[in-house]
Amino acid sequence: QFVESGGGLVQPGGSLSLSCTASQPISDEYAMGWHRQAPGKQRELVASMSRLGRIDYVDDVKGRFTISRDFAKNTFWLQMDSLTAEDAAVYYCNQPGGIFFWGQGTQVNVTS
Protein backbone atom coordinates (compact mmCIF):
# COMPACT_ATOMS: atom_id res chain seq x y z
CA GLN A 1 0.00 0.00 0.00
CA PHE A 2 1.22 3.43 -0.89
CA VAL A 3 0.54 6.76 0.77
CA GLU A 4 0.93 9.74 -1.52
CA SER A 5 1.08 13.32 -0.30
CA GLY A 6 2.13 16.79 -1.31
CA GLY A 7 -0.63 17.70 -3.71
CA GLY A 8 -2.50 20.95 -3.58
CA LEU A 9 -3.59 24.01 -5.49
CA VAL A 10 -1.03 26.05 -7.38
CA GLN A 11 -1.07 28.70 -10.04
CA PRO A 12 0.25 27.99 -13.53
CA GLY A 13 4.02 28.07 -13.45
CA GLY A 14 4.12 26.95 -9.85
CA SER A 15 5.76 23.92 -8.29
CA LEU A 16 4.81 21.02 -6.07
CA SER A 17 6.79 18.21 -4.55
CA LEU A 18 4.96 14.93 -4.18
CA SER A 19 6.08 12.12 -1.94
CA CYS A 20 5.08 8.49 -1.67
CA THR A 21 5.79 6.08 1.13
CA ALA A 22 5.24 2.36 0.88
CA SER A 23 3.79 0.60 3.90
CA GLN A 24 5.96 -2.41 3.17
CA PRO A 25 9.48 -2.51 1.79
CA ILE A 26 9.61 -2.44 -1.98
CA SER A 27 12.40 -4.53 -3.38
CA ASP A 28 14.89 -2.49 -5.33
CA GLU A 29 14.41 -5.03 -8.10
CA TYR A 30 11.24 -3.19 -9.02
CA ALA A 31 11.09 -0.06 -11.08
CA MET A 32 8.77 2.51 -9.58
CA GLY A 33 6.80 5.26 -11.17
CA TRP A 34 4.36 8.08 -10.81
CA HIS A 35 1.02 7.86 -12.55
CA ARG A 36 -1.74 10.42 -12.89
CA GLN A 37 -5.41 10.38 -13.76
CA ALA A 38 -7.31 13.44 -14.85
CA PRO A 39 -11.12 13.55 -14.85
CA GLY A 40 -12.53 11.61 -17.77
CA LYS A 41 -9.13 10.26 -18.78
CA GLN A 42 -7.30 7.01 -18.28
CA ARG A 43 -4.54 6.76 -15.74
CA GLU A 44 -1.15 7.31 -17.35
CA LEU A 45 2.41 6.71 -16.30
CA VAL A 46 4.30 10.01 -16.37
CA ALA A 47 7.65 9.12 -14.82
CA SER A 48 9.52 5.96 -13.88
CA MET A 49 12.84 4.94 -12.43
CA SER A 50 14.34 1.48 -12.81
CA ARG A 51 16.37 -0.25 -10.14
CA LEU A 52 19.50 0.64 -12.10
CA GLY A 53 18.53 4.29 -12.12
CA ARG A 54 17.21 4.59 -15.65
CA ILE A 55 14.65 7.37 -15.72
CA ASP A 56 11.90 7.88 -18.26
CA TYR A 57 9.32 10.62 -18.63
CA VAL A 58 6.42 11.13 -20.96
CA ASP A 59 7.05 13.95 -23.38
CA ASP A 60 4.51 16.22 -21.68
CA VAL A 61 6.55 16.44 -18.49
CA LYS A 62 10.12 16.20 -19.73
CA GLY A 63 12.23 19.02 -18.39
CA ARG A 64 9.62 19.93 -15.79
CA PHE A 65 9.23 16.84 -13.57
CA THR A 66 11.96 15.01 -11.66
CA ILE A 67 11.52 11.57 -10.14
CA SER A 68 13.68 10.26 -7.32
CA ARG A 69 13.65 7.49 -4.74
CA ASP A 70 15.31 6.51 -1.48
CA PHE A 71 15.57 2.74 -1.21
CA ALA A 72 16.46 2.79 2.47
CA LYS A 73 13.46 4.94 3.37
CA ASN A 74 11.07 3.21 0.96
CA THR A 75 10.10 6.64 -0.25
CA PHE A 76 9.66 8.13 -3.71
CA TRP A 77 9.32 11.71 -4.82
CA LEU A 78 8.14 13.67 -7.82
CA GLN A 79 9.27 17.26 -8.12
CA MET A 80 6.94 19.11 -10.47
CA ASP A 81 7.91 22.53 -11.81
CA SER A 82 6.35 24.88 -14.34
CA LEU A 83 2.96 23.32 -13.77
CA THR A 84 0.19 23.88 -16.29
CA ALA A 85 -3.55 23.29 -16.20
CA GLU A 86 -2.96 20.07 -18.13
CA ASP A 87 -1.03 18.67 -15.15
CA ALA A 88 -4.10 18.77 -12.93
CA ALA A 89 -4.91 15.21 -11.89
CA VAL A 90 -4.74 12.73 -9.05
CA TYR A 91 -1.19 11.46 -8.79
CA TYR A 92 -0.31 7.94 -7.67
CA CYS A 93 2.88 5.98 -7.20
CA ASN A 94 3.16 2.35 -8.19
CA GLN A 95 5.28 0.03 -10.22
CA PRO A 96 5.02 1.12 -13.87
CA GLY A 97 2.73 -1.79 -14.65
CA GLY A 98 0.58 -1.04 -11.63
CA ILE A 99 1.12 -4.46 -10.10
CA PHE A 100 0.77 -3.31 -6.49
CA PHE A 101 -2.34 -2.14 -4.71
CA TRP A 102 -3.08 1.49 -5.48
CA GLY A 103 -3.06 4.14 -2.81
CA GLN A 104 -5.51 7.01 -2.51
CA GLY A 105 -3.38 9.34 -4.56
CA THR A 106 -2.84 13.03 -4.04
CA GLN A 107 -4.81 15.72 -5.88
CA VAL A 108 -3.00 18.35 -7.89
CA ASN A 109 -4.96 21.37 -9.07
CA VAL A 110 -3.50 24.07 -11.28
CA THR A 111 -5.58 27.16 -11.75
CA SER A 112 -5.21 30.88 -11.79
C-alpha atoms as a PDB file:
ATOM      1  CA  GLN A   1       0.000   0.000   0.000  1.00  0.00           C
ATOM      2  CA  PHE A   2       1.220   3.435  -0.887  1.00  0.00           C
ATOM      3  CA  VAL A   3       0.537   6.763   0.770  1.00  0.00           C
ATOM      4  CA  GLU A   4       0.933   9.736  -1.523  1.00  0.00           C
ATOM      5  CA  SER A   5       1.079  13.317  -0.295  1.00  0.00           C
ATOM      6  CA  GLY A   6       2.125  16.791  -1.306  1.00  0.00           C
ATOM      7  CA  GLY A   7      -0.633  17.696  -3.708  1.00  0.00           C
ATOM      8  CA  GLY A   8      -2.504  20.951  -3.580  1.00  0.00           C
ATOM      9  CA  LEU A   9      -3.590  24.005  -5.494  1.00  0.00           C
ATOM     10  CA  VAL A  10      -1.028  26.052  -7.378  1.00  0.00           C
ATOM     11  CA  GLN A  11      -1.069  28.704 -10.042  1.00  0.00           C
ATOM     12  CA  PRO A  12       0.251  27.991 -13.529  1.00  0.00           C
ATOM     13  CA  GLY A  13       4.019  28.073 -13.446  1.00  0.00           C
ATOM     14  CA  GLY A  14       4.122  26.953  -9.848  1.00  0.00           C
ATOM     15  CA  SER A  15       5.761  23.921  -8.286  1.00  0.00           C
ATOM     16  CA  LEU A  16       4.807  21.023  -6.074  1.00  0.00           C
ATOM     17  CA  SER A  17       6.785  18.210  -4.550  1.00  0.00           C
ATOM     18  CA  LEU A  18       4.960  14.927  -4.182  1.00  0.00           C
ATOM     19  CA  SER A  19       6.081  12.119  -1.941  1.00  0.00           C
ATOM     20  CA  CYS A  20       5.084   8.493  -1.672  1.00  0.00           C
ATOM     21  CA  THR A  21       5.789   6.077   1.129  1.00  0.00           C
ATOM     22  CA  ALA A  22       5.241   2.356   0.880  1.00  0.00           C
ATOM     23  CA  SER A  23       3.793   0.599   3.903  1.00  0.00           C
ATOM     24  CA  GLN A  24       5.962  -2.405   3.166  1.00  0.00           C
ATOM     25  CA  PRO A  25       9.477  -2.510   1.791  1.00  0.00           C
ATOM     26  CA  ILE A  26       9.614  -2.443  -1.982  1.00  0.00           C
ATOM     27  CA  SER A  27      12.404  -4.534  -3.379  1.00  0.00           C
ATOM     28  CA  ASP A  28      14.888  -2.491  -5.326  1.00  0.00           C
ATOM     29  CA  GLU A  29      14.409  -5.034  -8.096  1.00  0.00           C
ATOM     30  CA  TYR A  30      11.239  -3.189  -9.022  1.00  0.00           C
ATOM     31  CA  ALA A  31      11.089  -0.063 -11.084  1.00  0.00           C
ATOM     32  CA  MET A  32       8.767   2.510  -9.582  1.00  0.00           C
ATOM     33  CA  GLY A  33       6.803   5.261 -11.168  1.00  0.00           C
ATOM     34  CA  TRP A  34       4.365   8.084 -10.808  1.00  0.00           C
ATOM     35  CA  HIS A  35       1.017   7.863 -12.550  1.00  0.00           C
ATOM     36  CA  ARG A  36      -1.744  10.419 -12.891  1.00  0.00           C
ATOM     37  CA  GLN A  37      -5.408  10.381 -13.757  1.00  0.00           C
ATOM     38  CA  ALA A  38      -7.309  13.441 -14.847  1.00  0.00           C
ATOM     39  CA  PRO A  39     -11.121  13.551 -14.851  1.00  0.00           C
ATOM     40  CA  GLY A  40     -12.529  11.607 -17.765  1.00  0.00           C
ATOM     41  CA  LYS A  41      -9.133  10.264 -18.781  1.00  0.00           C
ATOM     42  CA  GLN A  42      -7.295   7.010 -18.285  1.00  0.00           C
ATOM     43  CA  ARG A  43      -4.541   6.758 -15.740  1.00  0.00           C
ATOM     44  CA  GLU A  44      -1.150   7.308 -17.351  1.00  0.00           C
ATOM     45  CA  LEU A  45       2.406   6.714 -16.295  1.00  0.00           C
ATOM     46  CA  VAL A  46       4.298  10.006 -16.374  1.00  0.00           C
ATOM     47  CA  ALA A  47       7.655   9.123 -14.821  1.00  0.00           C
ATOM     48  CA  SER A  48       9.518   5.964 -13.878  1.00  0.00           C
ATOM     49  CA  MET A  49      12.841   4.937 -12.426  1.00  0.00           C
ATOM     50  CA  SER A  50      14.337   1.478 -12.807  1.00  0.00           C
ATOM     51  CA  ARG A  51      16.367  -0.250 -10.142  1.00  0.00           C
ATOM     52  CA  LEU A  52      19.499   0.641 -12.097  1.00  0.00           C
ATOM     53  CA  GLY A  53      18.531   4.295 -12.118  1.00  0.00           C
ATOM     54  CA  ARG A  54      17.210   4.586 -15.654  1.00  0.00           C
ATOM     55  CA  ILE A  55      14.650   7.370 -15.719  1.00  0.00           C
ATOM     56  CA  ASP A  56      11.899   7.881 -18.260  1.00  0.00           C
ATOM     57  CA  TYR A  57       9.315  10.618 -18.633  1.00  0.00           C
ATOM     58  CA  VAL A  58       6.423  11.126 -20.964  1.00  0.00           C
ATOM     59  CA  ASP A  59       7.051  13.949 -23.376  1.00  0.00           C
ATOM     60  CA  ASP A  60       4.509  16.224 -21.678  1.00  0.00           C
ATOM     61  CA  VAL A  61       6.553  16.443 -18.485  1.00  0.00           C
ATOM     62  CA  LYS A  62      10.122  16.199 -19.727  1.00  0.00           C
ATOM     63  CA  GLY A  63      12.235  19.017 -18.389  1.00  0.00           C
ATOM     64  CA  ARG A  64       9.624  19.929 -15.787  1.00  0.00           C
ATOM     65  CA  PHE A  65       9.231  16.837 -13.573  1.00  0.00           C
ATOM     66  CA  THR A  66      11.955  15.009 -11.658  1.00  0.00           C
ATOM     67  CA  ILE A  67      11.523  11.575 -10.140  1.00  0.00           C
ATOM     68  CA  SER A  68      13.685  10.261  -7.322  1.00  0.00           C
ATOM     69  CA  ARG A  69      13.647   7.490  -4.735  1.00  0.00           C
ATOM     70  CA  ASP A  70      15.309   6.513  -1.483  1.00  0.00           C
ATOM     71  CA  PHE A  71      15.565   2.740  -1.205  1.00  0.00           C
ATOM     72  CA  ALA A  72      16.458   2.786   2.471  1.00  0.00           C
ATOM     73  CA  LYS A  73      13.464   4.937   3.372  1.00  0.00           C
ATOM     74  CA  ASN A  74      11.073   3.213   0.957  1.00  0.00           C
ATOM     75  CA  THR A  75      10.101   6.637  -0.252  1.00  0.00           C
ATOM     76  CA  PHE A  76       9.662   8.134  -3.707  1.00  0.00           C
ATOM     77  CA  TRP A  77       9.323  11.714  -4.823  1.00  0.00           C
ATOM     78  CA  LEU A  78       8.140  13.667  -7.821  1.00  0.00           C
ATOM     79  CA  GLN A  79       9.269  17.256  -8.125  1.00  0.00           C
ATOM     80  CA  MET A  80       6.943  19.114 -10.465  1.00  0.00           C
ATOM     81  CA  ASP A  81       7.906  22.529 -11.809  1.00  0.00           C
ATOM     82  CA  SER A  82       6.348  24.880 -14.335  1.00  0.00           C
ATOM     83  CA  LEU A  83       2.957  23.321 -13.771  1.00  0.00           C
ATOM     84  CA  THR A  84       0.187  23.885 -16.287  1.00  0.00           C
ATOM     85  CA  ALA A  85      -3.551  23.294 -16.197  1.00  0.00           C
ATOM     86  CA  GLU A  86      -2.963  20.066 -18.127  1.00  0.00           C
ATOM     87  CA  ASP A  87      -1.034  18.673 -15.150  1.00  0.00           C
ATOM     88  CA  ALA A  88      -4.104  18.768 -12.925  1.00  0.00           C
ATOM     89  CA  ALA A  89      -4.907  15.214 -11.886  1.00  0.00           C
ATOM     90  CA  VAL A  90      -4.741  12.734  -9.050  1.00  0.00           C
ATOM     91  CA  TYR A  91      -1.190  11.457  -8.790  1.00  0.00           C
ATOM     92  CA  TYR A  92      -0.306   7.942  -7.674  1.00  0.00           C
ATOM     93  CA  CYS A  93       2.876   5.984  -7.196  1.00  0.00           C
ATOM     94  CA  ASN A  94       3.162   2.350  -8.185  1.00  0.00           C
ATOM     95  CA  GLN A  95       5.278   0.030 -10.223  1.00  0.00           C
ATOM     96  CA  PRO A  96       5.017   1.118 -13.870  1.00  0.00           C
ATOM     97  CA  GLY A  97       2.727  -1.786 -14.646  1.00  0.00           C
ATOM     98  CA  GLY A  98       0.575  -1.040 -11.625  1.00  0.00           C
ATOM     99  CA  ILE A  99       1.123  -4.464 -10.100  1.00  0.00           C
ATOM    100  CA  PHE A 100       0.775  -3.313  -6.491  1.00  0.00           C
ATOM    101  CA  PHE A 101      -2.344  -2.135  -4.708  1.00  0.00           C
ATOM    102  CA  TRP A 102      -3.085   1.490  -5.477  1.00  0.00           C
ATOM    103  CA  GLY A 103      -3.059   4.140  -2.811  1.00  0.00           C
ATOM    104  CA  GLN A 104      -5.514   7.014  -2.506  1.00  0.00           C
ATOM    105  CA  GLY A 105      -3.381   9.335  -4.560  1.00  0.00           C
ATOM    106  CA  THR A 106      -2.842  13.028  -4.044  1.00  0.00           C
ATOM    107  CA  GLN A 107      -4.813  15.718  -5.880  1.00  0.00           C
ATOM    108  CA  VAL A 108      -3.000  18.348  -7.891  1.00  0.00           C
ATOM    109  CA  ASN A 109      -4.957  21.374  -9.068  1.00  0.00           C
ATOM    110  CA  VAL A 110      -3.501  24.065 -11.276  1.00  0.00           C
ATOM    111  CA  THR A 111      -5.585  27.164 -11.745  1.00  0.00           C
ATOM    112  CA  SER A 112      -5.212  30.882 -11.787  1.00  0.00           C
END
